[in-house]
Amino acid sequence: MPELPGCAADGETYQAALQNVEVIMQEWIETVQELGRIVPQPKGRLMFS
């Protein structure tokens, strides 16, 4: 997750990775909020090669 520093996930399959990233993103956001930090706003779709 480029916009969420240190936030990453993987999985055995593409579908598993997508499920894991949903969980990790939510936990990352909750942790940042608990620490009183700012959650970055989405910057839009990023393209990678």
Protein backbone atom coordinates (compact mmCIF):
# COMPACT_ATOMS: atom_id res chain seq x y z
CA MET A 1 0.00 0.00 0.00
CA PRO A 2 2.09 2.93 -1.24
CA GLU A 3 -0.02 5.56 0.53
CA LEU A 4 0.13 3.80 3.90
CA PRO A 5 3.79 3.60 4.98
CA GLY A 6 4.76 0.17 6.23
CA CYS A 7 1.42 -1.37 5.26
CA ALA A 8 1.78 -4.52 3.14
CA ALA A 9 0.14 -7.91 2.74
CA ASP A 10 0.54 -11.06 0.69
CA GLY A 11 -1.20 -14.39 0.21
CA GLU A 12 -0.97 -17.83 -1.35
CA THR A 13 -3.27 -16.68 -4.19
CA TYR A 14 -4.31 -13.35 -5.68
CA GLN A 15 -7.70 -13.63 -3.96
CA ALA A 16 -6.07 -14.40 -0.61
CA ALA A 17 -3.76 -11.41 -0.99
CA LEU A 18 -6.74 -9.13 -1.67
CA GLN A 19 -8.54 -10.42 1.41
CA ASN A 20 -5.44 -9.96 3.53
CA VAL A 21 -4.80 -6.43 2.31
CA GLU A 22 -8.34 -5.41 3.29
CA VAL A 23 -7.73 -6.63 6.86
CA ILE A 24 -4.25 -5.10 7.10
CA MET A 25 -5.41 -1.71 5.77
CA GLN A 26 -8.18 -1.53 8.36
CA GLU A 27 -5.82 -2.53 11.18
CA TRP A 28 -3.24 0.02 9.97
CA ILE A 29 -5.85 2.80 9.97
CA GLU A 30 -7.14 1.82 13.43
CA THR A 31 -3.62 1.78 14.85
CA VAL A 32 -2.75 5.17 13.38
CA GLN A 33 -5.95 6.67 14.79
CA GLU A 34 -5.27 5.16 18.23
CA LEU A 35 -1.83 6.78 18.17
CA GLY A 36 -3.41 10.14 17.34
CA ARG A 37 -1.74 10.36 13.95
CA ILE A 38 -3.23 11.48 10.66
CA VAL A 39 -4.49 8.92 8.15
CA PRO A 40 -3.35 10.03 4.68
CA GLN A 41 -6.04 10.87 2.14
CA PRO A 42 -6.14 8.66 -0.97
CA LYS A 43 -4.24 10.20 -3.83
CA GLY A 44 -6.01 8.25 -6.55
CA ARG A 45 -5.06 5.31 -8.67
CA LEU A 46 -1.34 4.60 -8.93
CA MET A 47 0.22 2.85 -11.87
CA PHE A 48 3.18 0.51 -11.50
CA SER A 49 5.12 -1.38 -14.11
